[in-house]
Amino acid sequence: MKLKDKKIEILENKVTVDKIGNHVKQLVPVATVWAYFRQLSGDEVFAAARVNVTENVLFQIGYRDDITTAHVIRYKGVLYDITRVDVFEGYKGDITLYCKREK
């Protein structure tokens, strides 16, 4: 079992209507949970001269059945799109969220 010592916020996109009828897209908190965090790619380290750098990360959290790829993770003020939700062999222990940093 990995140490879940990083606090992350799980967010979802909600569309609301403002006073004059415009549709406004907002990120609304779903939950704040403890997670294990690890960077998956070294692209950012070796590609300082490139403009389009992708940062792939992994978050491992306690089991939740309400997390999908439509959700967004906020960690240390940075937003990450969830690209894959991995429930190991269907066990309800931990789930792994593979994410990509938003630009």
PDB file of N, CA and C in Angstrom:
ATOM      1  N   MET A   1       0.838  -1.175   0.000  1.00  0.00           N
ATOM      2  CA  MET A   1       0.000   0.000   0.000  1.00  0.00           C
ATOM      3  C   MET A   1       0.885   1.240   0.000  1.00  0.00           C
ATOM      4  N   LYS A   2       0.545   2.186  -0.874  1.00  0.00           N
ATOM      5  CA  LYS A   2       1.323   3.408  -0.994  1.00  0.00           C
ATOM      6  C   LYS A   2       0.768   4.483  -0.068  1.00  0.00           C
ATOM      7  N   LEU A   3       1.641   5.353   0.375  1.00  0.00           N
ATOM      8  CA  LEU A   3       1.260   6.410   1.303  1.00  0.00           C
ATOM      9  C   LEU A   3       0.454   7.492   0.580  1.00  0.00           C
ATOM     10  N   LYS A   4      -0.751   7.712   1.036  1.00  0.00           N
ATOM     11  CA  LYS A   4      -1.616   8.750   0.457  1.00  0.00           C
ATOM     12  C   LYS A   4      -1.473  10.006   1.315  1.00  0.00           C
ATOM     13  N   ASP A   5      -0.474  10.820   0.978  1.00  0.00           N
ATOM     14  CA  ASP A   5      -0.175  11.990   1.802  1.00  0.00           C
ATOM     15  C   ASP A   5      -0.343  13.321   1.073  1.00  0.00           C
ATOM     16  N   LYS A   6      -0.960  13.290  -0.096  1.00  0.00           N
ATOM     17  CA  LYS A   6      -1.201  14.510  -0.869  1.00  0.00           C
ATOM     18  C   LYS A   6      -2.706  14.758  -0.936  1.00  0.00           C
ATOM     19  N   LYS A   7      -3.112  15.968  -0.614  1.00  0.00           N
ATOM     20  CA  LYS A   7      -4.534  16.303  -0.656  1.00  0.00           C
ATOM     21  C   LYS A   7      -4.877  16.840  -2.044  1.00  0.00           C
ATOM     22  N   ILE A   8      -5.864  16.212  -2.682  1.00  0.00           N
ATOM     23  CA  ILE A   8      -6.306  16.646  -4.007  1.00  0.00           C
ATOM     24  C   ILE A   8      -7.795  16.966  -3.958  1.00  0.00           C
ATOM     25  N   GLU A   9      -8.215  17.728  -4.940  1.00  0.00           N
ATOM     26  CA  GLU A   9      -9.623  18.082  -5.045  1.00  0.00           C
ATOM     27  C   GLU A   9     -10.151  17.529  -6.365  1.00  0.00           C
ATOM     28  N   ILE A  10     -11.251  16.805  -6.307  1.00  0.00           N
ATOM     29  CA  ILE A  10     -11.895  16.275  -7.499  1.00  0.00           C
ATOM     30  C   ILE A  10     -13.001  17.253  -7.882  1.00  0.00           C
ATOM     31  N   LEU A  11     -12.968  17.691  -9.140  1.00  0.00           N
ATOM     32  CA  LEU A  11     -13.900  18.710  -9.619  1.00  0.00           C
ATOM     33  C   LEU A  11     -14.689  18.187 -10.812  1.00  0.00           C
ATOM     34  N   GLU A  12     -15.870  18.762 -11.033  1.00  0.00           N
ATOM     35  CA  GLU A  12     -16.628  18.442 -12.235  1.00  0.00           C
ATOM     36  C   GLU A  12     -17.107  19.732 -12.882  1.00  0.00           C
ATOM     37  N   ASN A  13     -17.287  19.680 -14.194  1.00  0.00           N
ATOM     38  CA  ASN A  13     -17.782  20.829 -14.938  1.00  0.00           C
ATOM     39  C   ASN A  13     -19.293  20.919 -14.801  1.00  0.00           C
ATOM     40  N   LYS A  14     -19.761  22.082 -14.424  1.00  0.00           N
ATOM     41  CA  LYS A  14     -21.200  22.359 -14.343  1.00  0.00           C
ATOM     42  C   LYS A  14     -21.475  23.593 -15.184  1.00  0.00           C
ATOM     43  N   VAL A  15     -22.589  23.572 -15.872  1.00  0.00           N
ATOM     44  CA  VAL A  15     -23.004  24.731 -16.649  1.00  0.00           C
ATOM     45  C   VAL A  15     -24.143  25.406 -15.903  1.00  0.00           C
ATOM     46  N   THR A  16     -23.945  26.684 -15.592  1.00  0.00           N
ATOM     47  CA  THR A  16     -24.979  27.462 -14.912  1.00  0.00           C
ATOM     48  C   THR A  16     -25.391  28.620 -15.814  1.00  0.00           C
ATOM     49  N   VAL A  17     -26.519  29.203 -15.508  1.00  0.00           N
ATOM     50  CA  VAL A  17     -27.017  30.346 -16.271  1.00  0.00           C
ATOM     51  C   VAL A  17     -26.894  31.587 -15.389  1.00  0.00           C
ATOM     52  N   ASP A  18     -26.231  32.617 -15.932  1.00  0.00           N
ATOM     53  CA  ASP A  18     -26.075  33.845 -15.146  1.00  0.00           C
ATOM     54  C   ASP A  18     -27.316  34.734 -15.252  1.00  0.00           C
ATOM     55  N   LYS A  19     -27.236  35.943 -14.681  1.00  0.00           N
ATOM     56  CA  LYS A  19     -28.390  36.848 -14.604  1.00  0.00           C
ATOM     57  C   LYS A  19     -28.954  37.240 -15.969  1.00  0.00           C
ATOM     58  N   ILE A  20     -28.089  37.315 -16.969  1.00  0.00           N
ATOM     59  CA  ILE A  20     -28.574  37.754 -18.280  1.00  0.00           C
ATOM     60  C   ILE A  20     -28.782  36.594 -19.256  1.00  0.00           C
ATOM     61  N   GLY A  21     -28.711  35.373 -18.768  1.00  0.00           N
ATOM     62  CA  GLY A  21     -29.032  34.208 -19.588  1.00  0.00           C
ATOM     63  C   GLY A  21     -27.862  33.524 -20.268  1.00  0.00           C
ATOM     64  N   ASN A  22     -26.647  33.961 -20.002  1.00  0.00           N
ATOM     65  CA  ASN A  22     -25.473  33.306 -20.584  1.00  0.00           C
ATOM     66  C   ASN A  22     -25.180  32.003 -19.858  1.00  0.00           C
ATOM     67  N   HIS A  23     -24.758  31.008 -20.617  1.00  0.00           N
ATOM     68  CA  HIS A  23     -24.326  29.751 -20.009  1.00  0.00           C
ATOM     69  C   HIS A  23     -22.866  29.897 -19.598  1.00  0.00           C
ATOM     70  N   VAL A  24     -22.591  29.624 -18.341  1.00  0.00           N
ATOM     71  CA  VAL A  24     -21.248  29.774 -17.788  1.00  0.00           C
ATOM     72  C   VAL A  24     -20.775  28.412 -17.298  1.00  0.00           C
ATOM     73  N   LYS A  25     -19.597  28.013 -17.782  1.00  0.00           N
ATOM     74  CA  LYS A  25     -19.012  26.729 -17.378  1.00  0.00           C
ATOM     75  C   LYS A  25     -18.160  26.957 -16.130  1.00  0.00           C
ATOM     76  N   GLN A  26     -18.419  26.166 -15.072  1.00  0.00           N
ATOM     77  CA  GLN A  26     -17.682  26.307 -13.818  1.00  0.00           C
ATOM     78  C   GLN A  26     -17.189  24.945 -13.354  1.00  0.00           C
ATOM     79  N   LEU A  27     -16.045  24.953 -12.673  1.00  0.00           N
ATOM     80  CA  LEU A  27     -15.560  23.746 -12.014  1.00  0.00           C
ATOM     81  C   LEU A  27     -16.085  23.751 -10.587  1.00  0.00           C
ATOM     82  N   VAL A  28     -16.824  22.705 -10.241  1.00  0.00           N
ATOM     83  CA  VAL A  28     -17.459  22.601  -8.931  1.00  0.00           C
ATOM     84  C   VAL A  28     -16.824  21.437  -8.175  1.00  0.00           C
ATOM     85  N   PRO A  29     -16.415  21.636  -6.918  1.00  0.00           N
ATOM     86  CA  PRO A  29     -15.813  20.548  -6.141  1.00  0.00           C
ATOM     87  C   PRO A  29     -16.792  19.395  -5.898  1.00  0.00           C
ATOM     88  N   VAL A  30     -16.299  18.174  -6.100  1.00  0.00           N
ATOM     89  CA  VAL A  30     -17.060  16.959  -5.802  1.00  0.00           C
ATOM     90  C   VAL A  30     -16.592  16.391  -4.468  1.00  0.00           C
ATOM     91  N   ALA A  31     -15.263  16.346  -4.292  1.00  0.00           N
ATOM     92  CA  ALA A  31     -14.698  15.787  -3.064  1.00  0.00           C
ATOM     93  C   ALA A  31     -13.257  16.252  -2.905  1.00  0.00           C
ATOM     94  N   THR A  32     -12.805  16.270  -1.666  1.00  0.00           N
ATOM     95  CA  THR A  32     -11.395  16.480  -1.340  1.00  0.00           C
ATOM     96  C   THR A  32     -10.919  15.201  -0.676  1.00  0.00           C
ATOM     97  N   VAL A  33      -9.882  14.584  -1.272  1.00  0.00           N
ATOM     98  CA  VAL A  33      -9.423  13.278  -0.791  1.00  0.00           C
ATOM     99  C   VAL A  33      -7.902  13.266  -0.677  1.00  0.00           C
ATOM    100  N   TRP A  34      -7.390  12.284   0.053  1.00  0.00           N
ATOM    101  CA  TRP A  34      -5.952  12.053   0.161  1.00  0.00           C
ATOM    102  C   TRP A  34      -5.534  11.106  -0.954  1.00  0.00           C
ATOM    103  N   ALA A  35      -4.352  11.366  -1.538  1.00  0.00           N
ATOM    104  CA  ALA A  35      -3.914  10.583  -2.686  1.00  0.00           C
ATOM    105  C   ALA A  35      -2.413  10.345  -2.652  1.00  0.00           C
ATOM    106  N   TYR A  36      -2.018   9.270  -3.326  1.00  0.00           N
ATOM    107  CA  TYR A  36      -0.613   9.021  -3.654  1.00  0.00           C
ATOM    108  C   TYR A  36      -0.391   9.686  -5.006  1.00  0.00           C
ATOM    109  N   PHE A  37       0.723  10.402  -5.179  1.00  0.00           N
ATOM    110  CA  PHE A  37       0.997  11.150  -6.404  1.00  0.00           C
ATOM    111  C   PHE A  37       2.338  10.735  -6.977  1.00  0.00           C
ATOM    112  N   ARG A  38       2.361  10.566  -8.309  1.00  0.00           N
ATOM    113  CA  ARG A  38       3.626  10.241  -8.976  1.00  0.00           C
ATOM    114  C   ARG A  38       3.596  10.793 -10.393  1.00  0.00           C
ATOM    115  N   GLN A  39       4.703  11.374 -10.821  1.00  0.00           N
ATOM    116  CA  GLN A  39       4.818  11.821 -12.208  1.00  0.00           C
ATOM    117  C   GLN A  39       5.199  10.635 -13.070  1.00  0.00           C
ATOM    118  N   LEU A  40       4.580  10.545 -14.243  1.00  0.00           N
ATOM    119  CA  LEU A  40       4.835   9.419 -15.130  1.00  0.00           C
ATOM    120  C   LEU A  40       5.801   9.747 -16.252  1.00  0.00           C
ATOM    121  N   SER A  41       5.889  11.009 -16.637  1.00  0.00           N
ATOM    122  CA  SER A  41       6.711  11.334 -17.793  1.00  0.00           C
ATOM    123  C   SER A  41       7.857  12.249 -17.419  1.00  0.00           C
ATOM    124  N   GLY A  42       8.947  12.064 -18.114  1.00  0.00           N
ATOM    125  CA  GLY A  42      10.094  12.932 -17.934  1.00  0.00           C
ATOM    126  C   GLY A  42      10.197  13.952 -19.046  1.00  0.00           C
ATOM    127  N   ASP A  43       9.148  14.065 -19.866  1.00  0.00           N
ATOM    128  CA  ASP A  43       9.177  14.985 -20.998  1.00  0.00           C
ATOM    129  C   ASP A  43       9.470  16.419 -20.572  1.00  0.00           C
ATOM    130  N   GLU A  44       8.898  16.826 -19.447  1.00  0.00           N
ATOM    131  CA  GLU A  44       9.062  18.209 -19.015  1.00  0.00           C
ATOM    132  C   GLU A  44      10.510  18.503 -18.627  1.00  0.00           C
ATOM    133  N   VAL A  45      11.183  17.539 -18.071  1.00  0.00           N
ATOM    134  CA  VAL A  45      12.563  17.731 -17.641  1.00  0.00           C
ATOM    135  C   VAL A  45      13.501  17.854 -18.831  1.00  0.00           C
ATOM    136  N   PHE A  46      13.325  16.991 -19.834  1.00  0.00           N
ATOM    137  CA  PHE A  46      14.258  16.933 -20.957  1.00  0.00           C
ATOM    138  C   PHE A  46      13.865  17.830 -22.123  1.00  0.00           C
ATOM    139  N   ALA A  47      12.723  18.475 -22.056  1.00  0.00           N
ATOM    140  CA  ALA A  47      12.251  19.253 -23.197  1.00  0.00           C
ATOM    141  C   ALA A  47      12.045  20.715 -22.834  1.00  0.00           C
ATOM    142  N   ALA A  48      12.999  21.296 -22.182  1.00  0.00           N
ATOM    143  CA  ALA A  48      12.849  22.683 -21.733  1.00  0.00           C
ATOM    144  C   ALA A  48      12.711  23.647 -22.906  1.00  0.00           C
ATOM    145  N   ALA A  49      13.259  23.292 -24.058  1.00  0.00           N
ATOM    146  CA  ALA A  49      13.203  24.183 -25.207  1.00  0.00           C
ATOM    147  C   ALA A  49      11.913  24.033 -26.013  1.00  0.00           C
ATOM    148  N   ARG A  50      11.193  22.952 -25.806  1.00  0.00           N
ATOM    149  CA  ARG A  50       9.956  22.728 -26.567  1.00  0.00           C
ATOM    150  C   ARG A  50       8.815  23.548 -25.992  1.00  0.00           C
ATOM    151  N   VAL A  51       7.844  23.849 -26.841  1.00  0.00           N
ATOM    152  CA  VAL A  51       6.690  24.628 -26.402  1.00  0.00           C
ATOM    153  C   VAL A  51       5.586  23.715 -25.884  1.00  0.00           C
ATOM    154  N   ASN A  52       5.295  22.644 -26.587  1.00  0.00           N
ATOM    155  CA  ASN A  52       4.208  21.735 -26.218  1.00  0.00           C
ATOM    156  C   ASN A  52       4.731  20.596 -25.362  1.00  0.00           C
ATOM    157  N   VAL A  53       4.703  20.795 -24.074  1.00  0.00           N
ATOM    158  CA  VAL A  53       5.186  19.789 -23.139  1.00  0.00           C
ATOM    159  C   VAL A  53       3.993  19.177 -22.424  1.00  0.00           C
ATOM    160  N   THR A  54       3.941  17.847 -22.423  1.00  0.00           N
ATOM    161  CA  THR A  54       2.853  17.146 -21.749  1.00  0.00           C
ATOM    162  C   THR A  54       3.371  16.551 -20.456  1.00  0.00           C
ATOM    163  N   GLU A  55       2.639  16.777 -19.390  1.00  0.00           N
ATOM    164  CA  GLU A  55       2.995  16.199 -18.093  1.00  0.00           C
ATOM    165  C   GLU A  55       1.927  15.177 -17.720  1.00  0.00           C
ATOM    166  N   ASN A  56       2.326  13.914 -17.668  1.00  0.00           N
ATOM    167  CA  ASN A  56       1.415  12.840 -17.282  1.00  0.00           C
ATOM    168  C   ASN A  56       1.704  12.440 -15.845  1.00  0.00           C
ATOM    169  N   VAL A  57       0.634  12.310 -15.061  1.00  0.00           N
ATOM    170  CA  VAL A  57       0.786  11.971 -13.651  1.00  0.00           C
ATOM    171  C   VAL A  57      -0.203  10.882 -13.270  1.00  0.00           C
ATOM    172  N   LEU A  58       0.036  10.322 -12.100  1.00  0.00           N
ATOM    173  CA  LEU A  58      -0.814   9.267 -11.560  1.00  0.00           C
ATOM    174  C   LEU A  58      -1.233   9.667 -10.154  1.00  0.00           C
ATOM    175  N   PHE A  59      -2.514   9.523  -9.865  1.00  0.00           N
ATOM    176  CA  PHE A  59      -3.036   9.700  -8.514  1.00  0.00           C
ATOM    177  C   PHE A  59      -3.692   8.394  -8.108  1.00  0.00           C
ATOM    178  N   GLN A  60      -3.393   7.923  -6.918  1.00  0.00           N
ATOM    179  CA  GLN A  60      -4.058   6.724  -6.405  1.00  0.00           C
ATOM    180  C   GLN A  60      -4.849   7.142  -5.169  1.00  0.00           C
ATOM    181  N   ILE A  61      -6.169   6.866  -5.208  1.00  0.00           N
ATOM    182  CA  ILE A  61      -7.058   7.276  -4.120  1.00  0.00           C
ATOM    183  C   ILE A  61      -7.860   6.077  -3.645  1.00  0.00           C
ATOM    184  N   GLY A  62      -8.522   6.239  -2.516  1.00  0.00           N
ATOM    185  CA  GLY A  62      -9.432   5.207  -2.036  1.00  0.00           C
ATOM    186  C   GLY A  62     -10.581   5.033  -3.017  1.00  0.00           C
ATOM    187  N   TYR A  63     -11.174   3.852  -3.017  1.00  0.00           N
ATOM    188  CA  TYR A  63     -12.211   3.515  -3.991  1.00  0.00           C
ATOM    189  C   TYR A  63     -13.388   4.482  -3.937  1.00  0.00           C
ATOM    190  N   ARG A  64     -13.788   4.931  -5.110  1.00  0.00           N
ATOM    191  CA  ARG A  64     -15.009   5.729  -5.297  1.00  0.00           C
ATOM    192  C   ARG A  64     -15.621   5.277  -6.613  1.00  0.00           C
ATOM    193  N   ASP A  65     -16.930   5.132  -6.637  1.00  0.00           N
ATOM    194  CA  ASP A  65     -17.567   4.695  -7.881  1.00  0.00           C
ATOM    195  C   ASP A  65     -18.137   5.857  -8.693  1.00  0.00           C
ATOM    196  N   ASP A  66     -17.908   7.089  -8.240  1.00  0.00           N
ATOM    197  CA  ASP A  66     -18.478   8.241  -8.934  1.00  0.00           C
ATOM    198  C   ASP A  66     -17.456   9.052  -9.728  1.00  0.00           C
ATOM    199  N   ILE A  67     -16.248   8.543  -9.912  1.00  0.00           N
ATOM    200  CA  ILE A  67     -15.201   9.266 -10.633  1.00  0.00           C
ATOM    201  C   ILE A  67     -15.129   8.749 -12.068  1.00  0.00           C
ATOM    202  N   THR A  68     -15.155   9.684 -13.029  1.00  0.00           N
ATOM    203  CA  THR A  68     -15.057   9.333 -14.447  1.00  0.00           C
ATOM    204  C   THR A  68     -14.011  10.225 -15.112  1.00  0.00           C
ATOM    205  N   THR A  69     -13.801  10.000 -16.400  1.00  0.00           N
ATOM    206  CA  THR A  69     -12.862  10.830 -17.150  1.00  0.00           C
ATOM    207  C   THR A  69     -13.420  12.231 -17.416  1.00  0.00           C
ATOM    208  N   ALA A  70     -14.662  12.467 -17.061  1.00  0.00           N
ATOM    209  CA  ALA A  70     -15.240  13.810 -17.192  1.00  0.00           C
ATOM    210  C   ALA A  70     -14.812  14.724 -16.042  1.00  0.00           C
ATOM    211  N   HIS A  71     -14.245  14.154 -14.994  1.00  0.00           N
ATOM    212  CA  HIS A  71     -13.822  14.943 -13.839  1.00  0.00           C
ATOM    213  C   HIS A  71     -12.422  15.515 -14.047  1.00  0.00           C
ATOM    214  N   VAL A  72     -12.081  16.470 -13.199  1.00  0.00           N
ATOM    215  CA  VAL A  72     -10.783  17.144 -13.231  1.00  0.00           C
ATOM    216  C   VAL A  72     -10.201  17.090 -11.822  1.00  0.00           C
ATOM    217  N   ILE A  73      -8.873  16.971 -11.735  1.00  0.00           N
ATOM    218  CA  ILE A  73      -8.179  16.962 -10.448  1.00  0.00           C
ATOM    219  C   ILE A  73      -7.449  18.290 -10.276  1.00  0.00           C
ATOM    220  N   ARG A  74      -7.558  18.871  -9.081  1.00  0.00           N
ATOM    221  CA  ARG A  74      -6.755  20.050  -8.739  1.00  0.00           C
ATOM    222  C   ARG A  74      -5.775  19.635  -7.656  1.00  0.00           C
ATOM    223  N   TYR A  75      -4.471  19.807  -7.959  1.00  0.00           N
ATOM    224  CA  TYR A  75      -3.419  19.477  -6.998  1.00  0.00           C
ATOM    225  C   TYR A  75      -2.409  20.617  -7.003  1.00  0.00           C
ATOM    226  N   LYS A  76      -2.208  21.237  -5.865  1.00  0.00           N
ATOM    227  CA  LYS A  76      -1.299  22.378  -5.707  1.00  0.00           C
ATOM    228  C   LYS A  76      -1.626  23.494  -6.695  1.00  0.00           C
ATOM    229  N   GLY A  77      -2.917  23.719  -6.929  1.00  0.00           N
ATOM    230  CA  GLY A  77      -3.344  24.792  -7.810  1.00  0.00           C
ATOM    231  C   GLY A  77      -3.288  24.483  -9.294  1.00  0.00           C
ATOM    232  N   VAL A  78      -2.830  23.284  -9.662  1.00  0.00           N
ATOM    233  CA  VAL A  78      -2.712  22.885 -11.062  1.00  0.00           C
ATOM    234  C   VAL A  78      -3.861  21.939 -11.396  1.00  0.00           C
ATOM    235  N   LEU A  79      -4.455  22.121 -12.577  1.00  0.00           N
ATOM    236  CA  LEU A  79      -5.558  21.267 -13.009  1.00  0.00           C
ATOM    237  C   LEU A  79      -5.050  20.145 -13.900  1.00  0.00           C
ATOM    238  N   TYR A  80      -5.561  18.939 -13.657  1.00  0.00           N
ATOM    239  CA  TYR A  80      -5.203  17.752 -14.428  1.00  0.00           C
ATOM    240  C   TYR A  80      -6.477  17.105 -14.959  1.00  0.00           C
ATOM    241  N   ASP A  81      -6.515  16.822 -16.269  1.00  0.00           N
ATOM    242  CA  ASP A  81      -7.624  16.084 -16.867  1.00  0.00           C
ATOM    243  C   ASP A  81      -7.419  14.601 -16.604  1.00  0.00           C
ATOM    244  N   ILE A  82      -8.468  13.910 -16.188  1.00  0.00           N
ATOM    245  CA  ILE A  82      -8.384  12.463 -15.986  1.00  0.00           C
ATOM    246  C   ILE A  82      -8.510  11.794 -17.348  1.00  0.00           C
ATOM    247  N   THR A  83      -7.492  11.027 -17.734  1.00  0.00           N
ATOM    248  CA  THR A  83      -7.517  10.342 -19.023  1.00  0.00           C
ATOM    249  C   THR A  83      -7.930   8.883 -18.895  1.00  0.00           C
ATOM    250  N   ARG A  84      -7.736   8.312 -17.700  1.00  0.00           N
ATOM    251  CA  ARG A  84      -8.105   6.904 -17.495  1.00  0.00           C
ATOM    252  C   ARG A  84      -8.345   6.648 -16.019  1.00  0.00           C
ATOM    253  N   VAL A  85      -9.388   5.876 -15.723  1.00  0.00           N
ATOM    254  CA  VAL A  85      -9.687   5.446 -14.358  1.00  0.00           C
ATOM    255  C   VAL A  85      -9.463   3.945 -14.316  1.00  0.00           C
ATOM    256  N   ASP A  86      -8.531   3.504 -13.482  1.00  0.00           N
ATOM    257  CA  ASP A  86      -8.172   2.085 -13.416  1.00  0.00           C
ATOM    258  C   ASP A  86      -8.599   1.500 -12.073  1.00  0.00           C
ATOM    259  N   VAL A  87      -9.584   0.612 -12.122  1.00  0.00           N
ATOM    260  CA  VAL A  87     -10.015  -0.124 -10.933  1.00  0.00           C
ATOM    261  C   VAL A  87      -9.375  -1.501 -11.062  1.00  0.00           C
ATOM    262  N   PHE A  88      -8.376  -1.771 -10.249  1.00  0.00           N
ATOM    263  CA  PHE A  88      -7.590  -2.996 -10.381  1.00  0.00           C
ATOM    264  C   PHE A  88      -8.469  -4.229 -10.223  1.00  0.00           C
ATOM    265  N   GLU A  89      -8.690  -4.935 -11.312  1.00  0.00           N
ATOM    266  CA  GLU A  89      -9.435  -6.197 -11.364  1.00  0.00           C
ATOM    267  C   GLU A  89     -10.790  -6.127 -10.666  1.00  0.00           C
ATOM    268  N   GLY A  90     -11.368  -4.939 -10.587  1.00  0.00           N
ATOM    269  CA  GLY A  90     -12.696  -4.793 -10.007  1.00  0.00           C
ATOM    270  C   GLY A  90     -12.747  -4.788  -8.497  1.00  0.00           C
ATOM    271  N   TYR A  91     -11.579  -4.850  -7.843  1.00  0.00           N
ATOM    272  CA  TYR A  91     -11.569  -4.801  -6.380  1.00  0.00           C
ATOM    273  C   TYR A  91     -11.916  -3.392  -5.914  1.00  0.00           C
ATOM    274  N   LYS A  92     -12.532  -3.291  -4.767  1.00  0.00           N
ATOM    275  CA  LYS A  92     -12.933  -1.985  -4.255  1.00  0.00           C
ATOM    276  C   LYS A  92     -11.955  -1.498  -3.195  1.00  0.00           C
ATOM    277  N   GLY A  93     -10.675  -1.548  -3.525  1.00  0.00           N
ATOM    278  CA  GLY A  93      -9.643  -1.053  -2.624  1.00  0.00           C
ATOM    279  C   GLY A  93      -9.269   0.362  -3.010  1.00  0.00           C
ATOM    280  N   ASP A  94      -8.372   0.488  -3.936  1.00  0.00           N
ATOM    281  CA  ASP A  94      -7.934   1.784  -4.451  1.00  0.00           C
ATOM    282  C   ASP A  94      -8.271   1.881  -5.931  1.00  0.00           C
ATOM    283  N   ILE A  95      -8.341   3.103  -6.421  1.00  0.00           N
ATOM    284  CA  ILE A  95      -8.427   3.311  -7.862  1.00  0.00           C
ATOM    285  C   ILE A  95      -7.271   4.211  -8.268  1.00  0.00           C
ATOM    286  N   THR A  96      -6.788   3.990  -9.477  1.00  0.00           N
ATOM    287  CA  THR A  96      -5.688   4.766 -10.015  1.00  0.00           C
ATOM    288  C   THR A  96      -6.233   5.682 -11.096  1.00  0.00           C
ATOM    289  N   LEU A  97      -5.905   6.954 -10.984  1.00  0.00           N
ATOM    290  CA  LEU A  97      -6.343   7.951 -11.951  1.00  0.00           C
ATOM    291  C   LEU A  97      -5.128   8.407 -12.750  1.00  0.00           C
ATOM    292  N   TYR A  98      -5.136   8.128 -14.039  1.00  0.00           N
ATOM    293  CA  TYR A  98      -4.078   8.597 -14.921  1.00  0.00           C
ATOM    294  C   TYR A  98      -4.527   9.941 -15.475  1.00  0.00           C
ATOM    295  N   CYS A  99      -3.667  10.936 -15.357  1.00  0.00           N
ATOM    296  CA  CYS A  99      -4.074  12.302 -15.686  1.00  0.00           C
ATOM    297  C   CYS A  99      -3.038  12.998 -16.556  1.00  0.00           C
ATOM    298  N   LYS A 100      -3.508  14.045 -17.223  1.00  0.00           N
ATOM    299  CA  LYS A 100      -2.656  14.882 -18.055  1.00  0.00           C
ATOM    300  C   LYS A 100      -2.875  16.326 -17.627  1.00  0.00           C
ATOM    301  N   ARG A 101      -1.808  17.062 -17.492  1.00  0.00           N
ATOM    302  CA  ARG A 101      -1.901  18.460 -17.050  1.00  0.00           C
ATOM    303  C   ARG A 101      -2.613  19.302 -18.094  1.00  0.00           C
ATOM    304  N   GLU A 102      -3.565  20.130 -17.644  1.00  0.00           N
ATOM    305  CA  GLU A 102      -4.256  21.041 -18.551  1.00  0.00           C
ATOM    306  C   GLU A 102      -3.316  22.155 -18.952  1.00  0.00           C
ATOM    307  N   LYS A 103      -3.493  22.638 -20.158  1.00  0.00           N
ATOM    308  CA  LYS A 103      -2.648  23.744 -20.640  1.00  0.00           C
ATOM    309  C   LYS A 103      -3.368  25.046 -20.505  1.00  0.00           C
TER     310      LYS A 103
END
